[in-house]
Amino acid sequence: MASEEDPSEEVEQVEAGKLLGMSSLNLNTDPRVKEKFKSYPKGVHSKMKILRELVLEVAENHPEIENLEETLKWGEPAYLSKKGSTLRMDWKEKSPDQYALYFQCTTSLVETFKQVFGPLFRYEGNRAILFSLDEDLPLDEIKSCIQASLTYHRVKNQTDLGIKVRS
């Protein structure tokens, strides 16, 4: 884990700030995350980068998320917020045509996503939403899932985790 004085960590914060026009989000990035993203094959890298940008966008747009930690958990990019549940993402060589967002299986997140979004997504049990490399992503719905995860401890008792479906 990078220390507070680690210059590579500061570069990541500055890069994220430029990307998002960041005002109040404190992004603490483990430098190993950048290496992990660089390790993805060319066609996968851009898809994983989109998921990362969605996570950062959601965090920036929700003032209750003041600090976001970007690290590796089980070798996968992971995002942690004080009021949330760990959110991970990855592509695996054994399933080369798909990538995923992973949620803590002990939460009601994926079960709620199934109720709210039904067949819009492909699910892996109660732990993941799977995406095909060749599909267009439903960005608004993915952002709703990310928001529910990053604010889970605040929304876990709300109907449908506070997710509002646009008609």
N, C-alpha and C. Protein backbone atom coordinates (compact mmCIF):
# COMPACT_ATOMS: atom_id res chain seq x y z
N MET A 1 0.84 -1.17 0.00
CA MET A 1 0.00 0.00 0.00
C MET A 1 0.88 1.24 0.00
N ALA A 2 0.48 2.25 -0.73
CA ALA A 2 1.27 3.47 -0.81
C ALA A 2 1.12 4.29 0.46
N SER A 3 2.19 4.97 0.82
CA SER A 3 2.12 5.84 1.99
C SER A 3 1.53 7.19 1.57
N GLU A 4 1.22 8.02 2.57
CA GLU A 4 0.63 9.32 2.27
C GLU A 4 1.57 10.20 1.46
N GLU A 5 2.86 10.00 1.60
CA GLU A 5 3.83 10.83 0.89
C GLU A 5 4.23 10.25 -0.47
N ASP A 6 3.65 9.15 -0.87
CA ASP A 6 4.02 8.49 -2.11
C ASP A 6 3.63 9.37 -3.30
N PRO A 7 4.60 9.83 -4.10
CA PRO A 7 4.28 10.72 -5.21
C PRO A 7 3.40 10.07 -6.27
N SER A 8 3.51 8.76 -6.47
CA SER A 8 2.67 8.11 -7.48
C SER A 8 1.20 8.16 -7.06
N GLU A 9 0.95 8.12 -5.76
CA GLU A 9 -0.41 8.22 -5.25
C GLU A 9 -0.96 9.62 -5.54
N GLU A 10 -0.13 10.63 -5.34
CA GLU A 10 -0.57 12.00 -5.59
C GLU A 10 -0.86 12.19 -7.07
N VAL A 11 -0.05 11.61 -7.94
CA VAL A 11 -0.28 11.71 -9.38
C VAL A 11 -1.64 11.11 -9.72
N GLU A 12 -1.97 9.96 -9.13
CA GLU A 12 -3.27 9.36 -9.39
C GLU A 12 -4.40 10.28 -8.94
N GLN A 13 -4.25 10.93 -7.80
CA GLN A 13 -5.27 11.85 -7.32
C GLN A 13 -5.42 13.02 -8.28
N VAL A 14 -4.31 13.55 -8.75
CA VAL A 14 -4.36 14.67 -9.68
C VAL A 14 -4.99 14.23 -10.99
N GLU A 15 -4.59 13.07 -11.52
CA GLU A 15 -5.16 12.57 -12.76
C GLU A 15 -6.66 12.39 -12.62
N ALA A 16 -7.11 11.82 -11.52
CA ALA A 16 -8.54 11.63 -11.31
C ALA A 16 -9.23 12.97 -11.21
N GLY A 17 -8.61 13.91 -10.54
CA GLY A 17 -9.19 15.24 -10.41
C GLY A 17 -9.37 15.92 -11.76
N LYS A 18 -8.37 15.80 -12.62
CA LYS A 18 -8.48 16.38 -13.95
C LYS A 18 -9.58 15.70 -14.74
N LEU A 19 -9.67 14.38 -14.62
CA LEU A 19 -10.67 13.61 -15.34
C LEU A 19 -12.08 14.01 -14.91
N LEU A 20 -12.26 14.24 -13.63
CA LEU A 20 -13.60 14.44 -13.10
C LEU A 20 -13.93 15.87 -12.74
N GLY A 21 -12.98 16.78 -12.83
CA GLY A 21 -13.24 18.12 -12.32
C GLY A 21 -13.52 18.04 -10.82
N MET A 22 -12.76 17.20 -10.16
CA MET A 22 -12.99 16.84 -8.76
C MET A 22 -12.95 18.05 -7.85
N SER A 23 -13.92 18.08 -6.91
CA SER A 23 -13.91 19.16 -5.94
C SER A 23 -13.70 18.62 -4.53
N SER A 24 -14.46 17.61 -4.12
CA SER A 24 -14.37 17.20 -2.73
C SER A 24 -13.98 15.74 -2.52
N LEU A 25 -13.93 14.94 -3.55
CA LEU A 25 -13.59 13.53 -3.39
C LEU A 25 -12.09 13.37 -3.17
N ASN A 26 -11.73 12.64 -2.13
CA ASN A 26 -10.34 12.31 -1.87
C ASN A 26 -10.13 10.87 -2.36
N LEU A 27 -9.44 10.72 -3.46
CA LEU A 27 -9.17 9.41 -4.05
C LEU A 27 -7.79 8.96 -3.61
N ASN A 28 -7.74 7.82 -2.94
CA ASN A 28 -6.48 7.24 -2.46
C ASN A 28 -6.22 5.99 -3.31
N THR A 29 -5.29 6.08 -4.24
CA THR A 29 -5.04 5.01 -5.20
C THR A 29 -3.75 4.27 -4.90
N ASP A 30 -3.84 2.98 -4.77
CA ASP A 30 -2.68 2.11 -4.65
C ASP A 30 -2.03 2.03 -6.04
N PRO A 31 -0.73 2.30 -6.17
CA PRO A 31 -0.07 2.29 -7.48
C PRO A 31 -0.17 0.94 -8.21
N ARG A 32 -0.41 -0.13 -7.48
CA ARG A 32 -0.53 -1.44 -8.13
C ARG A 32 -1.76 -1.52 -9.02
N VAL A 33 -2.75 -0.67 -8.76
CA VAL A 33 -3.96 -0.67 -9.58
C VAL A 33 -3.64 -0.27 -11.01
N LYS A 34 -2.82 0.75 -11.16
CA LYS A 34 -2.43 1.21 -12.49
C LYS A 34 -1.73 0.08 -13.25
N GLU A 35 -0.86 -0.65 -12.56
CA GLU A 35 -0.18 -1.79 -13.19
C GLU A 35 -1.17 -2.88 -13.60
N LYS A 36 -2.17 -3.11 -12.76
CA LYS A 36 -3.18 -4.12 -13.07
C LYS A 36 -3.93 -3.73 -14.34
N PHE A 37 -4.33 -2.46 -14.44
CA PHE A 37 -5.03 -2.02 -15.65
C PHE A 37 -4.14 -2.15 -16.89
N LYS A 38 -2.86 -1.85 -16.75
CA LYS A 38 -1.93 -1.99 -17.88
C LYS A 38 -1.79 -3.45 -18.31
N SER A 39 -2.05 -4.39 -17.41
CA SER A 39 -1.86 -5.81 -17.71
C SER A 39 -3.00 -6.40 -18.53
N TYR A 40 -4.12 -5.70 -18.63
CA TYR A 40 -5.25 -6.25 -19.39
C TYR A 40 -4.95 -6.21 -20.88
N PRO A 41 -5.42 -7.22 -21.63
CA PRO A 41 -5.26 -7.20 -23.08
C PRO A 41 -5.92 -5.96 -23.69
N LYS A 42 -5.48 -5.59 -24.87
CA LYS A 42 -5.90 -4.34 -25.50
C LYS A 42 -7.43 -4.16 -25.53
N GLY A 43 -8.18 -5.09 -26.01
CA GLY A 43 -9.63 -4.96 -26.10
C GLY A 43 -10.32 -4.93 -24.75
N VAL A 44 -9.69 -5.48 -23.76
CA VAL A 44 -10.25 -5.53 -22.41
C VAL A 44 -9.93 -4.25 -21.66
N HIS A 45 -8.74 -3.72 -21.87
CA HIS A 45 -8.29 -2.53 -21.14
C HIS A 45 -9.31 -1.39 -21.25
N SER A 46 -9.80 -1.12 -22.45
CA SER A 46 -10.74 0.00 -22.63
C SER A 46 -12.05 -0.25 -21.91
N LYS A 47 -12.51 -1.50 -21.87
CA LYS A 47 -13.75 -1.83 -21.15
C LYS A 47 -13.58 -1.66 -19.65
N MET A 48 -12.45 -2.11 -19.14
CA MET A 48 -12.19 -1.98 -17.70
C MET A 48 -12.03 -0.51 -17.32
N LYS A 49 -11.42 0.26 -18.20
CA LYS A 49 -11.25 1.69 -17.94
C LYS A 49 -12.61 2.38 -17.86
N ILE A 50 -13.55 1.98 -18.68
CA ILE A 50 -14.90 2.55 -18.63
C ILE A 50 -15.54 2.27 -17.27
N LEU A 51 -15.43 1.03 -16.78
CA LEU A 51 -15.99 0.71 -15.46
C LEU A 51 -15.35 1.58 -14.38
N ARG A 52 -14.03 1.72 -14.45
CA ARG A 52 -13.33 2.55 -13.46
C ARG A 52 -13.83 3.99 -13.51
N GLU A 53 -13.96 4.54 -14.71
CA GLU A 53 -14.45 5.91 -14.85
C GLU A 53 -15.87 6.06 -14.29
N LEU A 54 -16.71 5.04 -14.47
CA LEU A 54 -18.06 5.09 -13.91
C LEU A 54 -18.03 5.12 -12.39
N VAL A 55 -17.15 4.31 -11.80
CA VAL A 55 -17.01 4.31 -10.34
C VAL A 55 -16.59 5.69 -9.85
N LEU A 56 -15.58 6.26 -10.49
CA LEU A 56 -15.09 7.57 -10.07
C LEU A 56 -16.14 8.66 -10.27
N GLU A 57 -16.88 8.58 -11.36
CA GLU A 57 -17.94 9.55 -11.63
C GLU A 57 -19.03 9.48 -10.56
N VAL A 58 -19.46 8.27 -10.23
CA VAL A 58 -20.50 8.10 -9.20
C VAL A 58 -20.01 8.65 -7.87
N ALA A 59 -18.78 8.31 -7.51
CA ALA A 59 -18.25 8.77 -6.23
C ALA A 59 -18.16 10.29 -6.19
N GLU A 60 -17.71 10.89 -7.27
CA GLU A 60 -17.60 12.35 -7.32
C GLU A 60 -18.96 13.03 -7.22
N ASN A 61 -19.97 12.43 -7.78
CA ASN A 61 -21.30 13.05 -7.82
C ASN A 61 -22.14 12.80 -6.57
N HIS A 62 -21.58 12.14 -5.58
CA HIS A 62 -22.31 11.88 -4.34
C HIS A 62 -21.52 12.42 -3.16
N PRO A 63 -21.92 13.59 -2.65
CA PRO A 63 -21.14 14.27 -1.61
C PRO A 63 -20.92 13.43 -0.36
N GLU A 64 -21.80 12.45 -0.11
CA GLU A 64 -21.60 11.62 1.08
C GLU A 64 -20.39 10.70 0.94
N ILE A 65 -19.90 10.55 -0.28
CA ILE A 65 -18.68 9.77 -0.51
C ILE A 65 -17.52 10.76 -0.55
N GLU A 66 -16.90 10.96 0.60
CA GLU A 66 -15.81 11.93 0.69
C GLU A 66 -14.46 11.30 0.37
N ASN A 67 -14.32 10.02 0.72
CA ASN A 67 -13.06 9.31 0.51
C ASN A 67 -13.34 8.02 -0.24
N LEU A 68 -12.54 7.76 -1.24
CA LEU A 68 -12.65 6.51 -1.99
C LEU A 68 -11.26 5.90 -2.06
N GLU A 69 -11.17 4.66 -1.65
CA GLU A 69 -9.90 3.94 -1.74
C GLU A 69 -9.95 3.04 -2.96
N GLU A 70 -8.93 3.15 -3.80
CA GLU A 70 -8.78 2.30 -4.99
C GLU A 70 -7.57 1.42 -4.71
N THR A 71 -7.80 0.13 -4.62
CA THR A 71 -6.74 -0.79 -4.23
C THR A 71 -6.92 -2.10 -4.98
N LEU A 72 -6.16 -3.12 -4.60
CA LEU A 72 -6.36 -4.47 -5.14
C LEU A 72 -6.84 -5.36 -4.01
N LYS A 73 -7.89 -6.11 -4.27
CA LYS A 73 -8.37 -7.16 -3.37
C LYS A 73 -8.45 -8.43 -4.21
N TRP A 74 -7.81 -9.48 -3.74
CA TRP A 74 -7.73 -10.74 -4.49
C TRP A 74 -7.17 -10.50 -5.89
N GLY A 75 -6.25 -9.53 -6.00
CA GLY A 75 -5.61 -9.23 -7.27
C GLY A 75 -6.49 -8.46 -8.24
N GLU A 76 -7.64 -7.98 -7.79
CA GLU A 76 -8.60 -7.28 -8.65
C GLU A 76 -8.75 -5.82 -8.20
N PRO A 77 -8.94 -4.90 -9.16
CA PRO A 77 -9.21 -3.52 -8.76
C PRO A 77 -10.45 -3.49 -7.85
N ALA A 78 -10.32 -2.78 -6.73
CA ALA A 78 -11.39 -2.74 -5.74
C ALA A 78 -11.57 -1.30 -5.26
N TYR A 79 -12.81 -0.97 -4.92
CA TYR A 79 -13.17 0.38 -4.51
C TYR A 79 -13.91 0.30 -3.19
N LEU A 80 -13.43 1.08 -2.22
CA LEU A 80 -13.99 1.06 -0.87
C LEU A 80 -14.32 2.47 -0.43
N SER A 81 -15.51 2.62 0.13
CA SER A 81 -15.89 3.89 0.74
C SER A 81 -16.41 3.59 2.15
N LYS A 82 -16.31 4.57 3.02
CA LYS A 82 -16.65 4.38 4.43
C LYS A 82 -18.08 3.88 4.63
N LYS A 83 -19.01 4.38 3.84
CA LYS A 83 -20.42 4.03 3.99
C LYS A 83 -20.86 2.94 3.01
N GLY A 84 -19.88 2.30 2.36
CA GLY A 84 -20.23 1.37 1.31
C GLY A 84 -19.73 -0.04 1.53
N SER A 85 -20.00 -0.85 0.55
CA SER A 85 -19.57 -2.24 0.49
C SER A 85 -18.52 -2.34 -0.61
N THR A 86 -17.52 -3.16 -0.42
CA THR A 86 -16.44 -3.29 -1.40
C THR A 86 -16.98 -3.64 -2.78
N LEU A 87 -16.52 -2.92 -3.76
CA LEU A 87 -16.87 -3.14 -5.16
C LEU A 87 -15.59 -3.50 -5.90
N ARG A 88 -15.61 -4.62 -6.61
CA ARG A 88 -14.43 -5.04 -7.37
C ARG A 88 -14.81 -5.18 -8.84
N MET A 89 -13.79 -5.22 -9.68
CA MET A 89 -14.00 -5.45 -11.11
C MET A 89 -12.82 -6.25 -11.65
N ASP A 90 -13.09 -7.06 -12.68
CA ASP A 90 -11.97 -7.79 -13.26
C ASP A 90 -12.39 -8.49 -14.55
N TRP A 91 -11.39 -8.89 -15.29
CA TRP A 91 -11.48 -9.76 -16.46
C TRP A 91 -10.60 -10.95 -16.14
N LYS A 92 -11.08 -12.13 -16.52
CA LYS A 92 -10.31 -13.33 -16.23
C LYS A 92 -10.01 -14.10 -17.52
N GLU A 93 -8.79 -14.58 -17.60
CA GLU A 93 -8.35 -15.31 -18.78
C GLU A 93 -9.20 -16.55 -19.06
N LYS A 94 -9.73 -17.17 -18.01
CA LYS A 94 -10.52 -18.39 -18.20
C LYS A 94 -11.89 -18.10 -18.83
N SER A 95 -12.32 -16.84 -18.79
CA SER A 95 -13.56 -16.41 -19.46
C SER A 95 -13.22 -15.17 -20.29
N PRO A 96 -12.50 -15.36 -21.39
CA PRO A 96 -11.91 -14.22 -22.09
C PRO A 96 -12.89 -13.27 -22.78
N ASP A 97 -14.14 -13.68 -22.95
CA ASP A 97 -15.11 -12.84 -23.63
C ASP A 97 -15.98 -12.03 -22.70
N GLN A 98 -15.67 -12.07 -21.39
CA GLN A 98 -16.48 -11.31 -20.45
C GLN A 98 -15.62 -10.67 -19.37
N TYR A 99 -16.21 -9.69 -18.71
CA TYR A 99 -15.61 -9.02 -17.56
C TYR A 99 -16.75 -8.74 -16.59
N ALA A 100 -16.43 -8.31 -15.37
CA ALA A 100 -17.49 -8.26 -14.37
C ALA A 100 -17.27 -7.19 -13.32
N LEU A 101 -18.38 -6.81 -12.69
CA LEU A 101 -18.37 -6.06 -11.45
C LEU A 101 -18.73 -7.06 -10.36
N TYR A 102 -17.94 -7.09 -9.29
CA TYR A 102 -18.16 -8.03 -8.19
C TYR A 102 -18.60 -7.27 -6.94
N PHE A 103 -19.58 -7.84 -6.25
CA PHE A 103 -20.14 -7.25 -5.04
C PHE A 103 -20.01 -8.25 -3.91
N GLN A 104 -20.01 -7.76 -2.68
CA GLN A 104 -19.94 -8.68 -1.54
C GLN A 104 -21.18 -9.56 -1.54
N CYS A 105 -20.96 -10.87 -1.53
CA CYS A 105 -22.07 -11.81 -1.63
C CYS A 105 -22.92 -11.86 -0.37
N THR A 106 -22.45 -11.30 0.73
CA THR A 106 -23.23 -11.29 1.97
C THR A 106 -24.19 -10.10 2.05
N THR A 107 -24.20 -9.25 1.01
CA THR A 107 -25.12 -8.12 0.97
C THR A 107 -26.35 -8.49 0.14
N SER A 108 -27.30 -7.59 0.10
CA SER A 108 -28.50 -7.80 -0.73
C SER A 108 -28.34 -7.12 -2.09
N LEU A 109 -27.14 -6.68 -2.43
CA LEU A 109 -26.94 -5.90 -3.65
C LEU A 109 -27.39 -6.63 -4.91
N VAL A 110 -26.80 -7.76 -5.22
CA VAL A 110 -27.11 -8.44 -6.49
C VAL A 110 -28.56 -8.93 -6.51
N GLU A 111 -29.06 -9.42 -5.39
CA GLU A 111 -30.47 -9.83 -5.35
C GLU A 111 -31.38 -8.65 -5.67
N THR A 112 -31.05 -7.48 -5.15
CA THR A 112 -31.84 -6.28 -5.45
C THR A 112 -31.70 -5.89 -6.91
N PHE A 113 -30.51 -5.98 -7.46
CA PHE A 113 -30.32 -5.66 -8.88
C PHE A 113 -31.17 -6.59 -9.74
N LYS A 114 -31.26 -7.85 -9.37
CA LYS A 114 -32.09 -8.80 -10.11
C LYS A 114 -33.55 -8.38 -10.08
N GLN A 115 -34.02 -7.92 -8.92
CA GLN A 115 -35.41 -7.48 -8.78
C GLN A 115 -35.68 -6.21 -9.58
N VAL A 116 -34.75 -5.27 -9.50
CA VAL A 116 -34.96 -3.96 -10.13
C VAL A 116 -34.72 -4.02 -11.64
N PHE A 117 -33.65 -4.67 -12.06
CA PHE A 117 -33.25 -4.63 -13.47
C PHE A 117 -33.54 -5.92 -14.24
N GLY A 118 -33.88 -6.99 -13.53
CA GLY A 118 -34.23 -8.25 -14.19
C GLY A 118 -33.20 -8.69 -15.21
N PRO A 119 -33.66 -9.05 -16.41
CA PRO A 119 -32.77 -9.62 -17.42
C PRO A 119 -31.89 -8.60 -18.15
N LEU A 120 -31.93 -7.34 -17.75
CA LEU A 120 -31.04 -6.35 -18.38
C LEU A 120 -29.59 -6.78 -18.23
N PHE A 121 -29.27 -7.40 -17.07
CA PHE A 121 -27.92 -7.85 -16.78
C PHE A 121 -27.86 -9.37 -16.74
N ARG A 122 -26.64 -9.90 -16.91
CA ARG A 122 -26.35 -11.31 -16.62
C ARG A 122 -25.68 -11.33 -15.26
N TYR A 123 -26.09 -12.26 -14.43
CA TYR A 123 -25.60 -12.31 -13.06
C TYR A 123 -24.84 -13.60 -12.81
N GLU A 124 -23.91 -13.54 -11.88
CA GLU A 124 -23.24 -14.74 -11.40
C GLU A 124 -23.62 -14.87 -9.93
N GLY A 125 -24.59 -15.74 -9.67
CA GLY A 125 -25.07 -15.95 -8.31
C GLY A 125 -25.48 -14.65 -7.66
N ASN A 126 -25.03 -14.45 -6.42
CA ASN A 126 -25.34 -13.22 -5.71
C ASN A 126 -24.08 -12.36 -5.53
N ARG A 127 -23.13 -12.52 -6.49
CA ARG A 127 -21.86 -11.80 -6.32
C ARG A 127 -21.41 -10.96 -7.49
N ALA A 128 -22.02 -11.09 -8.67
CA ALA A 128 -21.46 -10.36 -9.82
C ALA A 128 -22.50 -10.03 -10.88
N ILE A 129 -22.19 -8.97 -11.63
CA ILE A 129 -22.86 -8.65 -12.88
C ILE A 129 -21.81 -8.88 -13.96
N LEU A 130 -22.18 -9.68 -14.96
CA LEU A 130 -21.25 -10.03 -16.04
C LEU A 130 -21.56 -9.23 -17.30
N PHE A 131 -20.52 -8.85 -18.01
CA PHE A 131 -20.66 -8.10 -19.26
C PHE A 131 -19.88 -8.82 -20.35
N SER A 132 -20.44 -8.86 -21.55
CA SER A 132 -19.71 -9.38 -22.71
C SER A 132 -18.86 -8.26 -23.28
N LEU A 133 -17.70 -8.61 -23.79
CA LEU A 133 -16.81 -7.60 -24.35
C LEU A 133 -17.43 -6.89 -25.55
N ASP A 134 -18.35 -7.55 -26.24
CA ASP A 134 -18.92 -6.96 -27.45
C ASP A 134 -20.27 -6.27 -27.23
N GLU A 135 -20.71 -6.12 -25.98
CA GLU A 135 -22.01 -5.47 -25.75
C GLU A 135 -21.86 -4.01 -25.34
N ASP A 136 -22.87 -3.23 -25.69
CA ASP A 136 -22.94 -1.86 -25.20
C ASP A 136 -23.44 -1.90 -23.77
N LEU A 137 -22.86 -1.06 -22.93
CA LEU A 137 -23.23 -1.07 -21.52
C LEU A 137 -24.39 -0.13 -21.23
N PRO A 138 -25.35 -0.58 -20.40
CA PRO A 138 -26.42 0.32 -19.95
C PRO A 138 -25.86 1.21 -18.82
N LEU A 139 -25.28 2.32 -19.18
CA LEU A 139 -24.48 3.13 -18.26
C LEU A 139 -25.27 3.63 -17.05
N ASP A 140 -26.47 4.14 -17.25
CA ASP A 140 -27.24 4.66 -16.12
C ASP A 140 -27.54 3.58 -15.10
N GLU A 141 -27.89 2.41 -15.57
CA GLU A 141 -28.21 1.31 -14.66
C GLU A 141 -26.97 0.82 -13.93
N ILE A 142 -25.84 0.77 -14.62
CA ILE A 142 -24.59 0.38 -13.97
C ILE A 142 -24.22 1.40 -12.90
N LYS A 143 -24.40 2.68 -13.21
CA LYS A 143 -24.11 3.72 -12.21
C LYS A 143 -25.01 3.55 -10.99
N SER A 144 -26.26 3.16 -11.18
CA SER A 144 -27.15 2.91 -10.04
C SER A 144 -26.62 1.77 -9.17
N CYS A 145 -26.11 0.73 -9.81
CA CYS A 145 -25.54 -0.40 -9.07
C CYS A 145 -24.28 0.02 -8.31
N ILE A 146 -23.45 0.79 -8.96
CA ILE A 146 -22.22 1.28 -8.32
C ILE A 146 -22.58 2.16 -7.12
N GLN A 147 -23.54 3.06 -7.32
CA GLN A 147 -23.95 3.94 -6.22
C GLN A 147 -24.47 3.14 -5.04
N ALA A 148 -25.30 2.13 -5.31
CA ALA A 148 -25.83 1.29 -4.23
C ALA A 148 -24.71 0.62 -3.47
N SER A 149 -23.67 0.17 -4.16
CA SER A 149 -22.56 -0.48 -3.50
C SER A 149 -21.73 0.50 -2.67
N LEU A 150 -21.41 1.65 -3.25
CA LEU A 150 -20.56 2.62 -2.56
C LEU A 150 -21.25 3.30 -1.38
N THR A 151 -22.59 3.20 -1.32
CA THR A 151 -23.36 3.80 -0.22
C THR A 151 -24.19 2.76 0.53
N TYR A 152 -23.81 1.50 0.40
CA TYR A 152 -24.64 0.39 0.88
C TYR A 152 -25.08 0.52 2.35
N HIS A 153 -24.20 0.90 3.23
CA HIS A 153 -24.57 0.96 4.66
C HIS A 153 -25.57 2.07 4.95
N ARG A 154 -25.68 3.02 4.05
CA ARG A 154 -26.67 4.08 4.19
C ARG A 154 -28.01 3.69 3.56
N VAL A 155 -27.99 2.86 2.51
CA VAL A 155 -29.21 2.55 1.76
C VAL A 155 -29.75 1.14 1.96
N LYS A 156 -29.05 0.31 2.72
CA LYS A 156 -29.42 -1.11 2.79
C LYS A 156 -30.83 -1.37 3.33
N ASN A 157 -31.40 -0.43 4.07
CA ASN A 157 -32.76 -0.63 4.59
C ASN A 157 -33.82 0.07 3.76
N GLN A 158 -33.41 0.72 2.67
CA GLN A 158 -34.37 1.39 1.79
C GLN A 158 -34.93 0.39 0.78
N THR A 159 -36.16 0.63 0.36
CA THR A 159 -36.75 -0.19 -0.68
C THR A 159 -35.88 -0.13 -1.93
N ASP A 160 -35.55 -1.28 -2.48
CA ASP A 160 -34.71 -1.39 -3.66
C ASP A 160 -33.41 -0.61 -3.55
N LEU A 161 -32.89 -0.50 -2.31
CA LEU A 161 -31.63 0.20 -2.04
C LEU A 161 -31.64 1.64 -2.53
N GLY A 162 -32.84 2.18 -2.65
CA GLY A 162 -32.98 3.57 -3.11
C GLY A 162 -32.82 3.73 -4.61
N ILE A 163 -32.73 2.62 -5.36
CA ILE A 163 -32.55 2.70 -6.81
C ILE A 163 -33.86 3.11 -7.45
N LYS A 164 -33.80 4.15 -8.25
CA LYS A 164 -34.98 4.62 -8.98
C LYS A 164 -34.82 4.21 -10.44
N VAL A 165 -35.80 3.49 -10.95
CA VAL A 165 -35.75 3.03 -12.33
C VAL A 165 -36.35 4.12 -13.22
N ARG A 166 -35.59 4.50 -14.23
CA ARG A 166 -36.11 5.48 -15.20
C ARG A 166 -36.99 4.77 -16.20
N SER A 167 -38.12 5.39 -16.52
CA SER A 167 -39.02 4.76 -17.49
C SER A 167 -38.87 5.32 -18.88
